[in-house]
Amino acid sequence: MELWFLGQGHQKHLEKQVTEISAEKQEQWKQLDFQLCALLWQSVEPNILVTLRSFKICNFFWKKAQQIFANDIQRLYDAVDKLTSLKQTDHDMTSFVAQFKSAVEELRMFQDVE
């Protein structure tokens, strides 16, 4: 969706709020922003739309969507699963330790995620 906004010259609707637009252009900005927000609604899965539908301004919608997708829950689950299912095989301690360190590093990437 971001590429579409960039290609149409509407990326400012993702980045700016209406208060950052000059007073004489605000009404026109709002009208286009509502139309673009409707496109954003159509671009997400229904289960995610439940969370995002209350955002009727592109900038607010976009920021919340970034928060949702930046968390990357599936990758976190995979990293935890890799660590908890780790087993030593054939008394190969070197491979076991390397796999353990790799799994721990993947989890460390999530340390600063809110």
PDB file of N, CA and C in Angstrom:
ATOM      1  N   MET A   1       0.818  -1.183   0.000  1.00  0.00           N
ATOM      2  CA  MET A   1       0.000   0.000   0.000  1.00  0.00           C
ATOM      3  C   MET A   1       0.871   1.259   0.000  1.00  0.00           C
ATOM      4  N   GLU A   2       1.960   1.217   0.742  1.00  0.00           N
ATOM      5  CA  GLU A   2       2.832   2.390   0.808  1.00  0.00           C
ATOM      6  C   GLU A   2       3.342   2.766  -0.582  1.00  0.00           C
ATOM      7  N   LEU A   3       3.708   1.770  -1.387  1.00  0.00           N
ATOM      8  CA  LEU A   3       4.185   2.057  -2.732  1.00  0.00           C
ATOM      9  C   LEU A   3       3.109   2.726  -3.580  1.00  0.00           C
ATOM     10  N   TRP A   4       1.861   2.316  -3.399  1.00  0.00           N
ATOM     11  CA  TRP A   4       0.770   2.938  -4.141  1.00  0.00           C
ATOM     12  C   TRP A   4       0.671   4.415  -3.758  1.00  0.00           C
ATOM     13  N   PHE A   5       0.717   4.710  -2.452  1.00  0.00           N
ATOM     14  CA  PHE A   5       0.656   6.099  -1.991  1.00  0.00           C
ATOM     15  C   PHE A   5       1.818   6.903  -2.573  1.00  0.00           C
ATOM     16  N   LEU A   6       3.014   6.314  -2.572  1.00  0.00           N
ATOM     17  CA  LEU A   6       4.179   7.003  -3.127  1.00  0.00           C
ATOM     18  C   LEU A   6       3.989   7.248  -4.621  1.00  0.00           C
ATOM     19  N   GLY A   7       3.532   6.241  -5.338  1.00  0.00           N
ATOM     20  CA  GLY A   7       3.338   6.347  -6.774  1.00  0.00           C
ATOM     21  C   GLY A   7       2.268   7.351  -7.171  1.00  0.00           C
ATOM     22  N   GLN A   8       1.289   7.547  -6.323  1.00  0.00           N
ATOM     23  CA  GLN A   8       0.217   8.500  -6.608  1.00  0.00           C
ATOM     24  C   GLN A   8       0.517   9.905  -6.081  1.00  0.00           C
ATOM     25  N   GLY A   9       1.650  10.051  -5.383  1.00  0.00           N
ATOM     26  CA  GLY A   9       2.014  11.351  -4.829  1.00  0.00           C
ATOM     27  C   GLY A   9       1.254  11.707  -3.570  1.00  0.00           C
ATOM     28  N   HIS A  10       0.748  10.708  -2.858  1.00  0.00           N
ATOM     29  CA  HIS A  10      -0.051  10.948  -1.657  1.00  0.00           C
ATOM     30  C   HIS A  10       0.656  10.510  -0.364  1.00  0.00           C
ATOM     31  N   GLN A  11       1.968  10.316  -0.414  1.00  0.00           N
ATOM     32  CA  GLN A  11       2.682   9.827   0.762  1.00  0.00           C
ATOM     33  C   GLN A  11       2.564  10.773   1.955  1.00  0.00           C
ATOM     34  N   LYS A  12       2.310  12.053   1.704  1.00  0.00           N
ATOM     35  CA  LYS A  12       2.174  13.011   2.813  1.00  0.00           C
ATOM     36  C   LYS A  12       0.961  12.676   3.687  1.00  0.00           C
ATOM     37  N   HIS A  13      -0.021  11.997   3.113  1.00  0.00           N
ATOM     38  CA  HIS A  13      -1.190  11.610   3.907  1.00  0.00           C
ATOM     39  C   HIS A  13      -0.819  10.530   4.931  1.00  0.00           C
ATOM     40  N   LEU A  14       0.225   9.769   4.649  1.00  0.00           N
ATOM     41  CA  LEU A  14       0.694   8.774   5.615  1.00  0.00           C
ATOM     42  C   LEU A  14       1.570   9.414   6.682  1.00  0.00           C
ATOM     43  N   GLU A  15       2.225  10.500   6.330  1.00  0.00           N
ATOM     44  CA  GLU A  15       3.220  11.112   7.206  1.00  0.00           C
ATOM     45  C   GLU A  15       2.709  12.294   8.019  1.00  0.00           C
ATOM     46  N   LYS A  16       1.732  13.017   7.495  1.00  0.00           N
ATOM     47  CA  LYS A  16       1.303  14.253   8.142  1.00  0.00           C
ATOM     48  C   LYS A  16      -0.130  14.181   8.646  1.00  0.00           C
ATOM     49  N   GLN A  17      -0.424  15.031   9.623  1.00  0.00           N
ATOM     50  CA  GLN A  17      -1.783  15.198  10.127  1.00  0.00           C
ATOM     51  C   GLN A  17      -2.363  16.465   9.516  1.00  0.00           C
ATOM     52  N   VAL A  18      -3.666  16.579   9.542  1.00  0.00           N
ATOM     53  CA  VAL A  18      -4.338  17.719   8.930  1.00  0.00           C
ATOM     54  C   VAL A  18      -3.903  19.037   9.567  1.00  0.00           C
ATOM     55  N   THR A  19      -3.522  19.016  10.832  1.00  0.00           N
ATOM     56  CA  THR A  19      -3.095  20.241  11.508  1.00  0.00           C
ATOM     57  C   THR A  19      -1.780  20.778  10.956  1.00  0.00           C
ATOM     58  N   GLU A  20      -1.044  19.950  10.239  1.00  0.00           N
ATOM     59  CA  GLU A  20       0.224  20.380   9.648  1.00  0.00           C
ATOM     60  C   GLU A  20       0.036  20.993   8.258  1.00  0.00           C
ATOM     61  N   ILE A  21      -1.197  21.017   7.784  1.00  0.00           N
ATOM     62  CA  ILE A  21      -1.526  21.554   6.467  1.00  0.00           C
ATOM     63  C   ILE A  21      -2.045  22.979   6.635  1.00  0.00           C
ATOM     64  N   SER A  22      -1.755  23.827   5.669  1.00  0.00           N
ATOM     65  CA  SER A  22      -2.220  25.213   5.758  1.00  0.00           C
ATOM     66  C   SER A  22      -3.743  25.251   5.850  1.00  0.00           C
ATOM     67  N   ALA A  23      -4.252  26.241   6.560  1.00  0.00           N
ATOM     68  CA  ALA A  23      -5.687  26.339   6.858  1.00  0.00           C
ATOM     69  C   ALA A  23      -6.546  26.354   5.599  1.00  0.00           C
ATOM     70  N   GLU A  24      -6.088  27.017   4.550  1.00  0.00           N
ATOM     71  CA  GLU A  24      -6.905  27.102   3.339  1.00  0.00           C
ATOM     72  C   GLU A  24      -6.972  25.781   2.558  1.00  0.00           C
ATOM     73  N   LYS A  25      -6.055  24.849   2.828  1.00  0.00           N
ATOM     74  CA  LYS A  25      -6.060  23.568   2.122  1.00  0.00           C
ATOM     75  C   LYS A  25      -6.599  22.412   2.970  1.00  0.00           C
ATOM     76  N   GLN A  26      -6.963  22.698   4.220  1.00  0.00           N
ATOM     77  CA  GLN A  26      -7.368  21.632   5.130  1.00  0.00           C
ATOM     78  C   GLN A  26      -8.630  20.896   4.686  1.00  0.00           C
ATOM     79  N   GLU A  27      -9.635  21.593   4.201  1.00  0.00           N
ATOM     80  CA  GLU A  27     -10.879  20.921   3.786  1.00  0.00           C
ATOM     81  C   GLU A  27     -10.632  19.965   2.629  1.00  0.00           C
ATOM     82  N   GLN A  28      -9.874  20.410   1.652  1.00  0.00           N
ATOM     83  CA  GLN A  28      -9.545  19.558   0.506  1.00  0.00           C
ATOM     84  C   GLN A  28      -8.696  18.367   0.962  1.00  0.00           C
ATOM     85  N   TRP A  29      -7.761  18.628   1.870  1.00  0.00           N
ATOM     86  CA  TRP A  29      -6.903  17.577   2.423  1.00  0.00           C
ATOM     87  C   TRP A  29      -7.744  16.513   3.122  1.00  0.00           C
ATOM     88  N   LYS A  30      -8.681  16.969   3.978  1.00  0.00           N
ATOM     89  CA  LYS A  30      -9.531  16.031   4.716  1.00  0.00           C
ATOM     90  C   LYS A  30     -10.338  15.147   3.770  1.00  0.00           C
ATOM     91  N   GLN A  31     -10.921  15.761   2.759  1.00  0.00           N
ATOM     92  CA  GLN A  31     -11.750  15.009   1.815  1.00  0.00           C
ATOM     93  C   GLN A  31     -10.930  13.907   1.140  1.00  0.00           C
ATOM     94  N   LEU A  32      -9.752  14.234   0.659  1.00  0.00           N
ATOM     95  CA  LEU A  32      -8.896  13.228   0.019  1.00  0.00           C
ATOM     96  C   LEU A  32      -8.412  12.210   1.047  1.00  0.00           C
ATOM     97  N   ASP A  33      -8.096  12.671   2.242  1.00  0.00           N
ATOM     98  CA  ASP A  33      -7.604  11.776   3.288  1.00  0.00           C
ATOM     99  C   ASP A  33      -8.648  10.709   3.641  1.00  0.00           C
ATOM    100  N   PHE A  34      -9.927  11.106   3.722  1.00  0.00           N
ATOM    101  CA  PHE A  34     -10.991  10.133   4.011  1.00  0.00           C
ATOM    102  C   PHE A  34     -11.088   9.085   2.902  1.00  0.00           C
ATOM    103  N   GLN A  35     -10.957   9.518   1.662  1.00  0.00           N
ATOM    104  CA  GLN A  35     -11.008   8.585   0.536  1.00  0.00           C
ATOM    105  C   GLN A  35      -9.819   7.621   0.565  1.00  0.00           C
ATOM    106  N   LEU A  36      -8.644   8.162   0.857  1.00  0.00           N
ATOM    107  CA  LEU A  36      -7.448   7.325   0.933  1.00  0.00           C
ATOM    108  C   LEU A  36      -7.518   6.363   2.117  1.00  0.00           C
ATOM    109  N   CYS A  37      -8.099   6.812   3.206  1.00  0.00           N
ATOM    110  CA  CYS A  37      -8.239   5.951   4.378  1.00  0.00           C
ATOM    111  C   CYS A  37      -9.160   4.774   4.060  1.00  0.00           C
ATOM    112  N   ALA A  38     -10.187   5.015   3.272  1.00  0.00           N
ATOM    113  CA  ALA A  38     -11.069   3.925   2.848  1.00  0.00           C
ATOM    114  C   ALA A  38     -10.281   2.881   2.045  1.00  0.00           C
ATOM    115  N   LEU A  39      -9.316   3.326   1.234  1.00  0.00           N
ATOM    116  CA  LEU A  39      -8.454   2.383   0.512  1.00  0.00           C
ATOM    117  C   LEU A  39      -7.585   1.584   1.475  1.00  0.00           C
ATOM    118  N   LEU A  40      -7.079   2.254   2.494  1.00  0.00           N
ATOM    119  CA  LEU A  40      -6.282   1.547   3.499  1.00  0.00           C
ATOM    120  C   LEU A  40      -7.114   0.466   4.186  1.00  0.00           C
ATOM    121  N   TRP A  41      -8.366   0.792   4.512  1.00  0.00           N
ATOM    122  CA  TRP A  41      -9.246  -0.193   5.151  1.00  0.00           C
ATOM    123  C   TRP A  41      -9.385  -1.425   4.266  1.00  0.00           C
ATOM    124  N   GLN A  42      -9.505  -1.211   2.970  1.00  0.00           N
ATOM    125  CA  GLN A  42      -9.692  -2.330   2.037  1.00  0.00           C
ATOM    126  C   GLN A  42      -8.425  -3.151   1.860  1.00  0.00           C
ATOM    127  N   SER A  43      -7.282  -2.613   2.278  1.00  0.00           N
ATOM    128  CA  SER A  43      -6.015  -3.299   2.037  1.00  0.00           C
ATOM    129  C   SER A  43      -5.621  -4.274   3.146  1.00  0.00           C
ATOM    130  N   VAL A  44      -6.369  -4.314   4.236  1.00  0.00           N
ATOM    131  CA  VAL A  44      -5.982  -5.191   5.347  1.00  0.00           C
ATOM    132  C   VAL A  44      -6.998  -6.324   5.530  1.00  0.00           C
ATOM    133  N   GLU A  45      -6.527  -7.373   6.137  1.00  0.00           N
ATOM    134  CA  GLU A  45      -7.371  -8.529   6.419  1.00  0.00           C
ATOM    135  C   GLU A  45      -8.479  -8.145   7.404  1.00  0.00           C
ATOM    136  N   PRO A  46      -9.641  -8.774   7.290  1.00  0.00           N
ATOM    137  CA  PRO A  46     -10.768  -8.437   8.172  1.00  0.00           C
ATOM    138  C   PRO A  46     -10.451  -8.537   9.662  1.00  0.00           C
ATOM    139  N   ASN A  47      -9.650  -9.521  10.061  1.00  0.00           N
ATOM    140  CA  ASN A  47      -9.344  -9.664  11.484  1.00  0.00           C
ATOM    141  C   ASN A  47      -8.477  -8.514  12.005  1.00  0.00           C
ATOM    142  N   ILE A  48      -7.693  -7.889  11.150  1.00  0.00           N
ATOM    143  CA  ILE A  48      -6.884  -6.739  11.543  1.00  0.00           C
ATOM    144  C   ILE A  48      -7.695  -5.455  11.407  1.00  0.00           C
ATOM    145  N   LEU A  49      -8.595  -5.430  10.449  1.00  0.00           N
ATOM    146  CA  LEU A  49      -9.436  -4.252  10.229  1.00  0.00           C
ATOM    147  C   LEU A  49     -10.258  -3.905  11.469  1.00  0.00           C
ATOM    148  N   VAL A  50     -10.641  -4.920  12.238  1.00  0.00           N
ATOM    149  CA  VAL A  50     -11.392  -4.682  13.475  1.00  0.00           C
ATOM    150  C   VAL A  50     -10.624  -3.706  14.371  1.00  0.00           C
ATOM    151  N   THR A  51      -9.320  -3.842  14.422  1.00  0.00           N
ATOM    152  CA  THR A  51      -8.488  -2.975  15.245  1.00  0.00           C
ATOM    153  C   THR A  51      -8.280  -1.606  14.611  1.00  0.00           C
ATOM    154  N   LEU A  52      -8.219  -1.555  13.281  1.00  0.00           N
ATOM    155  CA  LEU A  52      -7.844  -0.324  12.590  1.00  0.00           C
ATOM    156  C   LEU A  52      -9.021   0.521  12.093  1.00  0.00           C
ATOM    157  N   ARG A  53     -10.216  -0.036  12.058  1.00  0.00           N
ATOM    158  CA  ARG A  53     -11.350   0.677  11.479  1.00  0.00           C
ATOM    159  C   ARG A  53     -11.672   1.987  12.195  1.00  0.00           C
ATOM    160  N   SER A  54     -11.358   2.092  13.463  1.00  0.00           N
ATOM    161  CA  SER A  54     -11.675   3.321  14.201  1.00  0.00           C
ATOM    162  C   SER A  54     -10.798   4.494  13.766  1.00  0.00           C
ATOM    163  N   PHE A  55      -9.717   4.228  13.056  1.00  0.00           N
ATOM    164  CA  PHE A  55      -8.840   5.293  12.583  1.00  0.00           C
ATOM    165  C   PHE A  55      -9.347   5.792  11.238  1.00  0.00           C
ATOM    166  N   LYS A  56      -9.820   7.029  11.209  1.00  0.00           N
ATOM    167  CA  LYS A  56     -10.410   7.596  10.003  1.00  0.00           C
ATOM    168  C   LYS A  56      -9.499   8.622   9.341  1.00  0.00           C
ATOM    169  N   ILE A  57      -8.270   8.691   9.809  1.00  0.00           N
ATOM    170  CA  ILE A  57      -7.258   9.576   9.242  1.00  0.00           C
ATOM    171  C   ILE A  57      -6.078   8.698   8.839  1.00  0.00           C
ATOM    172  N   CYS A  58      -5.585   8.883   7.625  1.00  0.00           N
ATOM    173  CA  CYS A  58      -4.527   8.023   7.100  1.00  0.00           C
ATOM    174  C   CYS A  58      -3.321   7.937   8.026  1.00  0.00           C
ATOM    175  N   ASN A  59      -2.884   9.070   8.539  1.00  0.00           N
ATOM    176  CA  ASN A  59      -1.700   9.099   9.386  1.00  0.00           C
ATOM    177  C   ASN A  59      -1.881   8.234  10.632  1.00  0.00           C
ATOM    178  N   PHE A  60      -3.023   8.347  11.289  1.00  0.00           N
ATOM    179  CA  PHE A  60      -3.282   7.547  12.499  1.00  0.00           C
ATOM    180  C   PHE A  60      -3.367   6.064  12.150  1.00  0.00           C
ATOM    181  N   PHE A  61      -4.084   5.753  11.085  1.00  0.00           N
ATOM    182  CA  PHE A  61      -4.215   4.371  10.612  1.00  0.00           C
ATOM    183  C   PHE A  61      -2.827   3.800  10.339  1.00  0.00           C
ATOM    184  N   TRP A  62      -2.016   4.545   9.590  1.00  0.00           N
ATOM    185  CA  TRP A  62      -0.708   4.075   9.162  1.00  0.00           C
ATOM    186  C   TRP A  62       0.218   3.824  10.350  1.00  0.00           C
ATOM    187  N   LYS A  63       0.210   4.747  11.310  1.00  0.00           N
ATOM    188  CA  LYS A  63       1.065   4.588  12.499  1.00  0.00           C
ATOM    189  C   LYS A  63       0.662   3.349  13.308  1.00  0.00           C
ATOM    190  N   LYS A  64      -0.643   3.136  13.477  1.00  0.00           N
ATOM    191  CA  LYS A  64      -1.111   1.973  14.224  1.00  0.00           C
ATOM    192  C   LYS A  64      -0.780   0.684  13.467  1.00  0.00           C
ATOM    193  N   ALA A  65      -0.960   0.682  12.158  1.00  0.00           N
ATOM    194  CA  ALA A  65      -0.633  -0.497  11.356  1.00  0.00           C
ATOM    195  C   ALA A  65       0.856  -0.822  11.458  1.00  0.00           C
ATOM    196  N   GLN A  66       1.686   0.200  11.463  1.00  0.00           N
ATOM    197  CA  GLN A  66       3.127  -0.026  11.616  1.00  0.00           C
ATOM    198  C   GLN A  66       3.438  -0.653  12.972  1.00  0.00           C
ATOM    199  N   GLN A  67       2.759  -0.209  14.012  1.00  0.00           N
ATOM    200  CA  GLN A  67       2.969  -0.792  15.338  1.00  0.00           C
ATOM    201  C   GLN A  67       2.569  -2.259  15.354  1.00  0.00           C
ATOM    202  N   ILE A  68       1.440  -2.561  14.727  1.00  0.00           N
ATOM    203  CA  ILE A  68       0.950  -3.939  14.707  1.00  0.00           C
ATOM    204  C   ILE A  68       1.925  -4.844  13.961  1.00  0.00           C
ATOM    205  N   PHE A  69       2.340  -4.418  12.784  1.00  0.00           N
ATOM    206  CA  PHE A  69       3.179  -5.281  11.961  1.00  0.00           C
ATOM    207  C   PHE A  69       4.638  -5.249  12.374  1.00  0.00           C
ATOM    208  N   ALA A  70       5.086  -4.223  13.070  1.00  0.00           N
ATOM    209  CA  ALA A  70       6.475  -4.155  13.513  1.00  0.00           C
ATOM    210  C   ALA A  70       6.756  -5.166  14.615  1.00  0.00           C
ATOM    211  N   ASN A  71       5.742  -5.556  15.340  1.00  0.00           N
ATOM    212  CA  ASN A  71       5.951  -6.513  16.423  1.00  0.00           C
ATOM    213  C   ASN A  71       6.316  -7.897  15.915  1.00  0.00           C
ATOM    214  N   ASP A  72       5.873  -8.256  14.731  1.00  0.00           N
ATOM    215  CA  ASP A  72       6.228  -9.519  14.078  1.00  0.00           C
ATOM    216  C   ASP A  72       6.084 -10.706  15.031  1.00  0.00           C
ATOM    217  N   ILE A  73       4.877 -10.924  15.486  1.00  0.00           N
ATOM    218  CA  ILE A  73       4.565 -11.963  16.457  1.00  0.00           C
ATOM    219  C   ILE A  73       4.961 -13.355  15.965  1.00  0.00           C
ATOM    220  N   GLN A  74       4.754 -13.633  14.680  1.00  0.00           N
ATOM    221  CA  GLN A  74       5.086 -14.957  14.151  1.00  0.00           C
ATOM    222  C   GLN A  74       6.581 -15.236  14.279  1.00  0.00           C
ATOM    223  N   ARG A  75       7.399 -14.229  13.983  1.00  0.00           N
ATOM    224  CA  ARG A  75       8.843 -14.427  14.098  1.00  0.00           C
ATOM    225  C   ARG A  75       9.252 -14.659  15.552  1.00  0.00           C
ATOM    226  N   LEU A  76       8.609 -13.951  16.475  1.00  0.00           N
ATOM    227  CA  LEU A  76       8.881 -14.160  17.896  1.00  0.00           C
ATOM    228  C   LEU A  76       8.498 -15.580  18.306  1.00  0.00           C
ATOM    229  N   TYR A  77       7.325 -16.026  17.883  1.00  0.00           N
ATOM    230  CA  TYR A  77       6.883 -17.375  18.198  1.00  0.00           C
ATOM    231  C   TYR A  77       7.882 -18.402  17.653  1.00  0.00           C
ATOM    232  N   ASP A  78       8.322 -18.215  16.411  1.00  0.00           N
ATOM    233  CA  ASP A  78       9.275 -19.148  15.804  1.00  0.00           C
ATOM    234  C   ASP A  78      10.594 -19.192  16.566  1.00  0.00           C
ATOM    235  N   ALA A  79      11.064 -18.028  17.026  1.00  0.00           N
ATOM    236  CA  ALA A  79      12.316 -17.975  17.783  1.00  0.00           C
ATOM    237  C   ALA A  79      12.177 -18.700  19.119  1.00  0.00           C
ATOM    238  N   VAL A  80      11.064 -18.489  19.801  1.00  0.00           N
ATOM    239  CA  VAL A  80      10.829 -19.173  21.082  1.00  0.00           C
ATOM    240  C   VAL A  80      10.693 -20.678  20.847  1.00  0.00           C
ATOM    241  N   ASP A  81       9.967 -21.062  19.815  1.00  0.00           N
ATOM    242  CA  ASP A  81       9.790 -22.475  19.492  1.00  0.00           C
ATOM    243  C   ASP A  81      11.134 -23.143  19.186  1.00  0.00           C
ATOM    244  N   LYS A  82      11.973 -22.435  18.454  1.00  0.00           N
ATOM    245  CA  LYS A  82      13.300 -22.979  18.125  1.00  0.00           C
ATOM    246  C   LYS A  82      14.098 -23.242  19.401  1.00  0.00           C
ATOM    247  N   LEU A  83      14.025 -22.314  20.340  1.00  0.00           N
ATOM    248  CA  LEU A  83      14.778 -22.453  21.588  1.00  0.00           C
ATOM    249  C   LEU A  83      14.214 -23.573  22.462  1.00  0.00           C
ATOM    250  N   THR A  84      12.886 -23.633  22.579  1.00  0.00           N
ATOM    251  CA  THR A  84      12.289 -24.633  23.468  1.00  0.00           C
ATOM    252  C   THR A  84      12.338 -26.045  22.899  1.00  0.00           C
ATOM    253  N   SER A  85      12.472 -26.181  21.599  1.00  0.00           N
ATOM    254  CA  SER A  85      12.511 -27.527  21.002  1.00  0.00           C
ATOM    255  C   SER A  85      13.934 -27.979  20.687  1.00  0.00           C
ATOM    256  N   LEU A  86      14.896 -27.216  21.117  1.00  0.00           N
ATOM    257  CA  LEU A  86      16.298 -27.531  20.867  1.00  0.00           C
ATOM    258  C   LEU A  86      16.707 -28.807  21.614  1.00  0.00           C
ATOM    259  N   LYS A  87      17.326 -29.720  20.891  1.00  0.00           N
ATOM    260  CA  LYS A  87      17.780 -30.975  21.495  1.00  0.00           C
ATOM    261  C   LYS A  87      19.181 -31.306  21.006  1.00  0.00           C
ATOM    262  N   GLN A  88      19.944 -31.873  21.893  1.00  0.00           N
ATOM    263  CA  GLN A  88      21.283 -32.315  21.514  1.00  0.00           C
ATOM    264  C   GLN A  88      21.168 -33.697  20.881  1.00  0.00           C
ATOM    265  N   THR A  89      21.786 -33.862  19.735  1.00  0.00           N
ATOM    266  CA  THR A  89      21.754 -35.165  19.063  1.00  0.00           C
ATOM    267  C   THR A  89      23.175 -35.645  18.806  1.00  0.00           C
ATOM    268  N   ASP A  90      23.358 -36.927  18.869  1.00  0.00           N
ATOM    269  CA  ASP A  90      24.649 -37.571  18.565  1.00  0.00           C
ATOM    270  C   ASP A  90      25.819 -36.992  19.354  1.00  0.00           C
ATOM    271  N   HIS A  91      25.561 -36.513  20.549  1.00  0.00           N
ATOM    272  CA  HIS A  91      26.611 -35.963  21.414  1.00  0.00           C
ATOM    273  C   HIS A  91      27.433 -34.884  20.713  1.00  0.00           C
ATOM    274  N   ASP A  92      26.815 -34.165  19.808  1.00  0.00           N
ATOM    275  CA  ASP A  92      27.490 -33.093  19.073  1.00  0.00           C
ATOM    276  C   ASP A  92      27.264 -31.779  19.807  1.00  0.00           C
ATOM    277  N   MET A  93      28.097 -31.524  20.798  1.00  0.00           N
ATOM    278  CA  MET A  93      27.940 -30.354  21.646  1.00  0.00           C
ATOM    279  C   MET A  93      28.190 -29.057  20.876  1.00  0.00           C
ATOM    280  N   THR A  94      29.106 -29.062  19.936  1.00  0.00           N
ATOM    281  CA  THR A  94      29.425 -27.851  19.176  1.00  0.00           C
ATOM    282  C   THR A  94      28.209 -27.359  18.393  1.00  0.00           C
ATOM    283  N   SER A  95      27.524 -28.250  17.698  1.00  0.00           N
ATOM    284  CA  SER A  95      26.324 -27.878  16.936  1.00  0.00           C
ATOM    285  C   SER A  95      25.209 -27.437  17.874  1.00  0.00           C
ATOM    286  N   PHE A  96      25.073 -28.140  18.993  1.00  0.00           N
ATOM    287  CA  PHE A  96      24.038 -27.793  19.966  1.00  0.00           C
ATOM    288  C   PHE A  96      24.234 -26.373  20.497  1.00  0.00           C
ATOM    289  N   VAL A  97      25.454 -26.046  20.884  1.00  0.00           N
ATOM    290  CA  VAL A  97      25.756 -24.715  21.421  1.00  0.00           C
ATOM    291  C   VAL A  97      25.549 -23.652  20.336  1.00  0.00           C
ATOM    292  N   ALA A  98      25.943 -23.946  19.107  1.00  0.00           N
ATOM    293  CA  ALA A  98      25.773 -22.994  18.003  1.00  0.00           C
ATOM    294  C   ALA A  98      24.285 -22.730  17.751  1.00  0.00           C
ATOM    295  N   GLN A  99      23.480 -23.777  17.776  1.00  0.00           N
ATOM    296  CA  GLN A  99      22.034 -23.619  17.583  1.00  0.00           C
ATOM    297  C   GLN A  99      21.421 -22.834  18.743  1.00  0.00           C
ATOM    298  N   PHE A 100      21.880 -23.117  19.948  1.00  0.00           N
ATOM    299  CA  PHE A 100      21.396 -22.400  21.127  1.00  0.00           C
ATOM    300  C   PHE A 100      21.720 -20.908  21.021  1.00  0.00           C
ATOM    301  N   LYS A 101      22.965 -20.585  20.678  1.00  0.00           N
ATOM    302  CA  LYS A 101      23.371 -19.184  20.551  1.00  0.00           C
ATOM    303  C   LYS A 101      22.568 -18.477  19.454  1.00  0.00           C
ATOM    304  N   SER A 102      22.310 -19.160  18.361  1.00  0.00           N
ATOM    305  CA  SER A 102      21.527 -18.584  17.274  1.00  0.00           C
ATOM    306  C   SER A 102      20.104 -18.261  17.730  1.00  0.00           C
ATOM    307  N   ALA A 103      19.490 -19.191  18.454  1.00  0.00           N
ATOM    308  CA  ALA A 103      18.125 -18.985  18.949  1.00  0.00           C
ATOM    309  C   ALA A 103      18.080 -17.830  19.952  1.00  0.00           C
ATOM    310  N   VAL A 104      19.066 -17.750  20.820  1.00  0.00           N
ATOM    311  CA  VAL A 104      19.120 -16.667  21.808  1.00  0.00           C
ATOM    312  C   VAL A 104      19.291 -15.317  21.106  1.00  0.00           C
ATOM    313  N   GLU A 105      20.127 -15.260  20.072  1.00  0.00           N
ATOM    314  CA  GLU A 105      20.319 -14.002  19.328  1.00  0.00           C
ATOM    315  C   GLU A 105      19.028 -13.561  18.645  1.00  0.00           C
ATOM    316  N   GLU A 106      18.274 -14.517  18.109  1.00  0.00           N
ATOM    317  CA  GLU A 106      16.988 -14.171  17.506  1.00  0.00           C
ATOM    318  C   GLU A 106      16.053 -13.553  18.538  1.00  0.00           C
ATOM    319  N   LEU A 107      16.039 -14.112  19.737  1.00  0.00           N
ATOM    320  CA  LEU A 107      15.193 -13.559  20.802  1.00  0.00           C
ATOM    321  C   LEU A 107      15.666 -12.183  21.250  1.00  0.00           C
ATOM    322  N   ARG A 108      16.950 -11.958  21.234  1.00  0.00           N
ATOM    323  CA  ARG A 108      17.483 -10.650  21.652  1.00  0.00           C
ATOM    324  C   ARG A 108      17.015  -9.530  20.730  1.00  0.00           C
ATOM    325  N   MET A 109      16.712  -9.849  19.484  1.00  0.00           N
ATOM    326  CA  MET A 109      16.223  -8.830  18.553  1.00  0.00           C
ATOM    327  C   MET A 109      14.908  -8.230  19.015  1.00  0.00           C
ATOM    328  N   PHE A 110      14.156  -8.971  19.834  1.00  0.00           N
ATOM    329  CA  PHE A 110      12.866  -8.509  20.316  1.00  0.00           C
ATOM    330  C   PHE A 110      12.964  -7.760  21.634  1.00  0.00           C
ATOM    331  N   GLN A 111      14.142  -7.623  22.161  1.00  0.00           N
ATOM    332  CA  GLN A 111      14.351  -7.004  23.462  1.00  0.00           C
ATOM    333  C   GLN A 111      13.814  -5.579  23.520  1.00  0.00           C
ATOM    334  N   ASP A 112      13.976  -4.783  22.456  1.00  0.00           N
ATOM    335  CA  ASP A 112      13.558  -3.380  22.477  1.00  0.00           C
ATOM    336  C   ASP A 112      12.189  -3.151  21.876  1.00  0.00           C
ATOM    337  N   VAL A 113      11.506  -4.210  21.428  1.00  0.00           N
ATOM    338  CA  VAL A 113      10.171  -4.053  20.836  1.00  0.00           C
ATOM    339  C   VAL A 113       9.165  -3.817  21.943  1.00  0.00           C
ATOM    340  N   GLU A 114       8.303  -2.814  21.768  1.00  0.00           N
ATOM    341  CA  GLU A 114       7.299  -2.505  22.791  1.00  0.00           C
ATOM    342  C   GLU A 114       6.069  -3.339  22.595  1.00  0.00           C
TER     343      GLU A 114
END
